[in-house]
Amino acid sequence: MDAAELERMGFPVTEKGEVELKRGKGCHYCRKTGYFGRSAIFEIFPMSEQLRKQVMAKANVDDLRQIAIREGMTTLREDAWSKVKKGVTSLEEALRVTGDV
């Protein structure tokens, strides 16, 4: 898939040009989907001193999110992308679960 298109979808792509994505072959156990079981994606929001102060000052959610991202928070889309690259899940499933960016 084209890296620029993946970036437009909100995935943190570092590659240029074409990005090769994996797709499971499928079997009886996975009902021909190529994936079996469940895998969680996480958005971890570490509470720093700056964030704590902003929360206490009743800052809006968007401001808090931007501060957290600047401080290294991994977003749902970023975590989903890491699992897509590892072949743990599909791009379609990552888009379905993380919604619009």
N, C-alpha and C. Protein backbone atom coordinates (compact mmCIF):
# COMPACT_ATOMS: atom_id res chain seq x y z
N MET A 1 0.84 -1.17 0.00
CA MET A 1 0.00 0.00 0.00
C MET A 1 0.89 1.24 0.00
N ASP A 2 0.40 2.31 -0.56
CA ASP A 2 1.16 3.54 -0.66
C ASP A 2 1.32 4.18 0.72
N ALA A 3 2.55 4.51 1.09
CA ALA A 3 2.85 5.10 2.40
C ALA A 3 2.12 6.43 2.60
N ALA A 4 2.03 7.23 1.56
CA ALA A 4 1.35 8.53 1.66
C ALA A 4 -0.13 8.33 1.99
N GLU A 5 -0.75 7.32 1.40
CA GLU A 5 -2.16 7.03 1.67
C GLU A 5 -2.34 6.58 3.13
N LEU A 6 -1.43 5.77 3.61
CA LEU A 6 -1.49 5.34 5.01
C LEU A 6 -1.34 6.53 5.95
N GLU A 7 -0.47 7.46 5.60
CA GLU A 7 -0.30 8.68 6.41
C GLU A 7 -1.58 9.50 6.42
N ARG A 8 -2.25 9.60 5.28
CA ARG A 8 -3.51 10.34 5.22
C ARG A 8 -4.57 9.69 6.10
N MET A 9 -4.47 8.39 6.30
CA MET A 9 -5.40 7.67 7.18
C MET A 9 -5.06 7.88 8.66
N GLY A 10 -3.92 8.51 8.92
CA GLY A 10 -3.54 8.78 10.31
C GLY A 10 -2.58 7.79 10.91
N PHE A 11 -1.97 6.94 10.09
CA PHE A 11 -1.00 5.99 10.60
C PHE A 11 0.39 6.62 10.59
N PRO A 12 1.16 6.42 11.65
CA PRO A 12 2.51 7.02 11.73
C PRO A 12 3.53 6.25 10.90
N VAL A 13 3.47 6.39 9.60
CA VAL A 13 4.32 5.63 8.68
C VAL A 13 5.67 6.31 8.56
N THR A 14 6.74 5.53 8.72
CA THR A 14 8.09 6.07 8.55
C THR A 14 8.68 5.68 7.20
N GLU A 15 8.09 4.66 6.56
CA GLU A 15 8.58 4.21 5.26
C GLU A 15 8.14 5.17 4.16
N LYS A 16 8.82 5.12 3.05
CA LYS A 16 8.47 5.91 1.86
C LYS A 16 8.07 4.95 0.75
N GLY A 17 7.24 5.42 -0.16
CA GLY A 17 6.83 4.59 -1.29
C GLY A 17 5.80 3.57 -0.89
N GLU A 18 6.03 2.33 -1.29
CA GLU A 18 5.09 1.26 -1.00
C GLU A 18 5.43 0.59 0.33
N VAL A 19 4.39 0.26 1.10
CA VAL A 19 4.55 -0.45 2.36
C VAL A 19 3.90 -1.82 2.19
N GLU A 20 4.65 -2.86 2.47
CA GLU A 20 4.12 -4.21 2.33
C GLU A 20 3.41 -4.61 3.63
N LEU A 21 2.13 -4.94 3.50
CA LEU A 21 1.34 -5.36 4.65
C LEU A 21 1.07 -6.85 4.54
N LYS A 22 0.97 -7.50 5.68
CA LYS A 22 0.72 -8.94 5.71
C LYS A 22 -0.78 -9.21 5.78
N ARG A 23 -1.17 -10.35 5.26
CA ARG A 23 -2.56 -10.79 5.36
C ARG A 23 -2.53 -12.28 5.65
N GLY A 24 -3.28 -12.67 6.66
CA GLY A 24 -3.33 -14.08 7.03
C GLY A 24 -3.96 -14.92 5.92
N LYS A 25 -3.48 -16.17 5.79
CA LYS A 25 -3.98 -17.06 4.75
C LYS A 25 -5.35 -17.61 5.09
N GLY A 26 -5.55 -17.95 6.34
CA GLY A 26 -6.83 -18.51 6.75
C GLY A 26 -6.80 -20.01 6.88
N CYS A 27 -7.59 -20.50 7.80
CA CYS A 27 -7.70 -21.93 8.03
C CYS A 27 -9.06 -22.23 8.69
N HIS A 28 -9.26 -23.48 9.02
CA HIS A 28 -10.50 -23.90 9.66
C HIS A 28 -10.69 -23.19 11.01
N TYR A 29 -9.62 -23.07 11.78
CA TYR A 29 -9.72 -22.51 13.14
C TYR A 29 -10.07 -21.02 13.14
N CYS A 30 -9.57 -20.29 12.16
CA CYS A 30 -9.82 -18.83 12.14
C CYS A 30 -10.97 -18.47 11.21
N ARG A 31 -11.67 -19.48 10.69
CA ARG A 31 -12.78 -19.27 9.78
C ARG A 31 -12.35 -18.51 8.52
N LYS A 32 -11.16 -18.84 8.06
CA LYS A 32 -10.59 -18.29 6.83
C LYS A 32 -10.31 -16.79 6.90
N THR A 33 -10.19 -16.23 8.11
CA THR A 33 -9.89 -14.80 8.24
C THR A 33 -8.40 -14.54 8.28
N GLY A 34 -7.61 -15.52 8.71
CA GLY A 34 -6.17 -15.32 8.85
C GLY A 34 -5.78 -14.86 10.24
N TYR A 35 -6.76 -14.63 11.09
CA TYR A 35 -6.50 -14.16 12.46
C TYR A 35 -7.34 -14.96 13.43
N PHE A 36 -6.78 -15.24 14.60
CA PHE A 36 -7.48 -16.05 15.58
C PHE A 36 -7.27 -15.44 16.96
N GLY A 37 -8.32 -15.34 17.72
CA GLY A 37 -8.22 -14.77 19.06
C GLY A 37 -8.36 -13.27 19.04
N ARG A 38 -7.97 -12.68 20.15
CA ARG A 38 -8.11 -11.22 20.27
C ARG A 38 -6.78 -10.60 20.64
N SER A 39 -6.61 -9.38 20.24
CA SER A 39 -5.42 -8.61 20.59
C SER A 39 -5.89 -7.20 20.94
N ALA A 40 -5.43 -6.70 22.06
CA ALA A 40 -5.85 -5.37 22.49
C ALA A 40 -4.94 -4.29 21.92
N ILE A 41 -5.53 -3.11 21.72
CA ILE A 41 -4.72 -1.94 21.41
C ILE A 41 -4.90 -0.97 22.58
N PHE A 42 -3.87 -0.22 22.87
CA PHE A 42 -3.87 0.63 24.05
C PHE A 42 -3.49 2.06 23.73
N GLU A 43 -4.11 2.97 24.44
CA GLU A 43 -3.71 4.37 24.43
C GLU A 43 -3.37 4.69 25.88
N ILE A 44 -2.10 4.80 26.16
CA ILE A 44 -1.66 5.02 27.53
C ILE A 44 -1.34 6.50 27.71
N PHE A 45 -1.92 7.10 28.72
CA PHE A 45 -1.85 8.53 28.98
C PHE A 45 -1.10 8.73 30.29
N PRO A 46 0.25 8.75 30.26
CA PRO A 46 1.01 8.92 31.50
C PRO A 46 0.78 10.31 32.09
N MET A 47 0.56 10.38 33.38
CA MET A 47 0.26 11.65 34.04
C MET A 47 1.56 12.33 34.49
N SER A 48 1.94 13.36 33.77
CA SER A 48 3.13 14.14 34.11
C SER A 48 2.71 15.30 35.01
N GLU A 49 3.69 16.01 35.51
CA GLU A 49 3.40 17.17 36.35
C GLU A 49 2.66 18.24 35.55
N GLN A 50 3.08 18.46 34.30
CA GLN A 50 2.40 19.46 33.46
C GLN A 50 0.95 19.06 33.21
N LEU A 51 0.71 17.78 32.91
CA LEU A 51 -0.66 17.32 32.69
C LEU A 51 -1.50 17.45 33.96
N ARG A 52 -0.92 17.11 35.09
CA ARG A 52 -1.64 17.21 36.35
C ARG A 52 -2.10 18.65 36.59
N LYS A 53 -1.20 19.59 36.34
CA LYS A 53 -1.54 21.01 36.52
C LYS A 53 -2.66 21.43 35.57
N GLN A 54 -2.61 20.94 34.32
CA GLN A 54 -3.64 21.29 33.35
C GLN A 54 -5.00 20.68 33.72
N VAL A 55 -4.97 19.47 34.25
CA VAL A 55 -6.21 18.83 34.70
C VAL A 55 -6.81 19.64 35.85
N MET A 56 -5.97 20.02 36.79
CA MET A 56 -6.44 20.80 37.94
C MET A 56 -6.99 22.16 37.49
N ALA A 57 -6.45 22.70 36.40
CA ALA A 57 -6.91 23.98 35.87
C ALA A 57 -8.11 23.80 34.93
N LYS A 58 -8.61 22.57 34.85
CA LYS A 58 -9.77 22.22 34.01
C LYS A 58 -9.56 22.52 32.52
N ALA A 59 -8.37 22.19 32.03
CA ALA A 59 -8.07 22.35 30.61
C ALA A 59 -8.98 21.44 29.80
N ASN A 60 -9.23 21.81 28.54
CA ASN A 60 -10.11 20.96 27.73
C ASN A 60 -9.36 19.71 27.27
N VAL A 61 -10.12 18.72 26.85
CA VAL A 61 -9.58 17.41 26.48
C VAL A 61 -8.58 17.50 25.33
N ASP A 62 -8.87 18.32 24.34
CA ASP A 62 -7.97 18.45 23.19
C ASP A 62 -6.60 18.98 23.61
N ASP A 63 -6.59 19.96 24.52
CA ASP A 63 -5.32 20.49 25.01
C ASP A 63 -4.55 19.43 25.78
N LEU A 64 -5.25 18.68 26.61
CA LEU A 64 -4.60 17.62 27.38
C LEU A 64 -4.01 16.56 26.45
N ARG A 65 -4.76 16.21 25.43
CA ARG A 65 -4.30 15.20 24.47
C ARG A 65 -3.04 15.67 23.75
N GLN A 66 -3.01 16.92 23.32
CA GLN A 66 -1.84 17.45 22.62
C GLN A 66 -0.61 17.47 23.52
N ILE A 67 -0.79 17.83 24.77
CA ILE A 67 0.33 17.81 25.72
C ILE A 67 0.83 16.38 25.90
N ALA A 68 -0.10 15.44 26.08
CA ALA A 68 0.27 14.04 26.28
C ALA A 68 1.02 13.49 25.06
N ILE A 69 0.57 13.83 23.87
CA ILE A 69 1.24 13.38 22.64
C ILE A 69 2.65 13.97 22.57
N ARG A 70 2.78 15.25 22.86
CA ARG A 70 4.11 15.88 22.87
C ARG A 70 5.03 15.20 23.87
N GLU A 71 4.47 14.70 24.97
CA GLU A 71 5.26 14.05 26.01
C GLU A 71 5.47 12.56 25.76
N GLY A 72 5.02 12.08 24.60
CA GLY A 72 5.32 10.70 24.21
C GLY A 72 4.20 9.70 24.34
N MET A 73 2.97 10.15 24.54
CA MET A 73 1.85 9.21 24.62
C MET A 73 1.70 8.45 23.30
N THR A 74 1.42 7.16 23.38
CA THR A 74 1.12 6.35 22.22
C THR A 74 -0.39 6.39 22.01
N THR A 75 -0.82 6.83 20.83
CA THR A 75 -2.26 6.89 20.55
C THR A 75 -2.78 5.52 20.12
N LEU A 76 -4.11 5.39 20.11
CA LEU A 76 -4.71 4.13 19.65
C LEU A 76 -4.27 3.81 18.22
N ARG A 77 -4.28 4.82 17.36
CA ARG A 77 -3.92 4.59 15.96
C ARG A 77 -2.47 4.14 15.86
N GLU A 78 -1.57 4.74 16.65
CA GLU A 78 -0.16 4.34 16.63
C GLU A 78 0.02 2.90 17.11
N ASP A 79 -0.67 2.54 18.19
CA ASP A 79 -0.56 1.17 18.70
C ASP A 79 -1.14 0.17 17.71
N ALA A 80 -2.28 0.54 17.10
CA ALA A 80 -2.87 -0.33 16.08
C ALA A 80 -1.92 -0.51 14.90
N TRP A 81 -1.26 0.58 14.47
CA TRP A 81 -0.32 0.51 13.35
C TRP A 81 0.83 -0.43 13.68
N SER A 82 1.33 -0.38 14.91
CA SER A 82 2.44 -1.27 15.26
C SER A 82 2.01 -2.73 15.16
N LYS A 83 0.76 -3.02 15.48
CA LYS A 83 0.26 -4.39 15.38
C LYS A 83 -0.01 -4.79 13.92
N VAL A 84 -0.40 -3.82 13.09
CA VAL A 84 -0.56 -4.09 11.65
C VAL A 84 0.80 -4.45 11.06
N LYS A 85 1.83 -3.65 11.38
CA LYS A 85 3.17 -3.90 10.83
C LYS A 85 3.72 -5.25 11.27
N LYS A 86 3.37 -5.71 12.47
CA LYS A 86 3.85 -7.00 12.97
C LYS A 86 3.02 -8.17 12.43
N GLY A 87 1.91 -7.87 11.76
CA GLY A 87 1.05 -8.93 11.23
C GLY A 87 0.09 -9.49 12.26
N VAL A 88 -0.06 -8.81 13.39
CA VAL A 88 -0.97 -9.27 14.46
C VAL A 88 -2.41 -9.04 14.06
N THR A 89 -2.66 -7.97 13.31
CA THR A 89 -4.00 -7.65 12.85
C THR A 89 -3.93 -7.06 11.45
N SER A 90 -5.08 -6.82 10.87
CA SER A 90 -5.14 -6.28 9.51
C SER A 90 -5.35 -4.77 9.54
N LEU A 91 -5.03 -4.12 8.44
CA LEU A 91 -5.26 -2.69 8.30
C LEU A 91 -6.75 -2.39 8.44
N GLU A 92 -7.57 -3.21 7.84
CA GLU A 92 -9.02 -3.00 7.89
C GLU A 92 -9.52 -3.03 9.34
N GLU A 93 -9.03 -3.97 10.12
CA GLU A 93 -9.45 -4.08 11.52
C GLU A 93 -8.94 -2.89 12.33
N ALA A 94 -7.73 -2.45 12.06
CA ALA A 94 -7.18 -1.28 12.76
C ALA A 94 -8.03 -0.05 12.46
N LEU A 95 -8.44 0.13 11.22
CA LEU A 95 -9.31 1.26 10.86
C LEU A 95 -10.68 1.13 11.51
N ARG A 96 -11.22 -0.07 11.52
CA ARG A 96 -12.55 -0.28 12.10
C ARG A 96 -12.55 0.08 13.59
N VAL A 97 -11.53 -0.38 14.29
CA VAL A 97 -11.49 -0.21 15.74
C VAL A 97 -11.11 1.21 16.16
N THR A 98 -10.21 1.84 15.42
CA THR A 98 -9.76 3.17 15.83
C THR A 98 -10.64 4.28 15.29
N GLY A 99 -11.51 4.00 14.35
CA GLY A 99 -12.43 5.01 13.84
C GLY A 99 -11.75 6.11 13.05
N ASP A 100 -12.47 7.20 12.84
CA ASP A 100 -11.94 8.34 12.09
C ASP A 100 -10.92 9.10 12.91
N VAL A 101 -9.92 9.59 12.21
CA VAL A 101 -8.88 10.39 12.87
C VAL A 101 -9.16 11.85 12.63
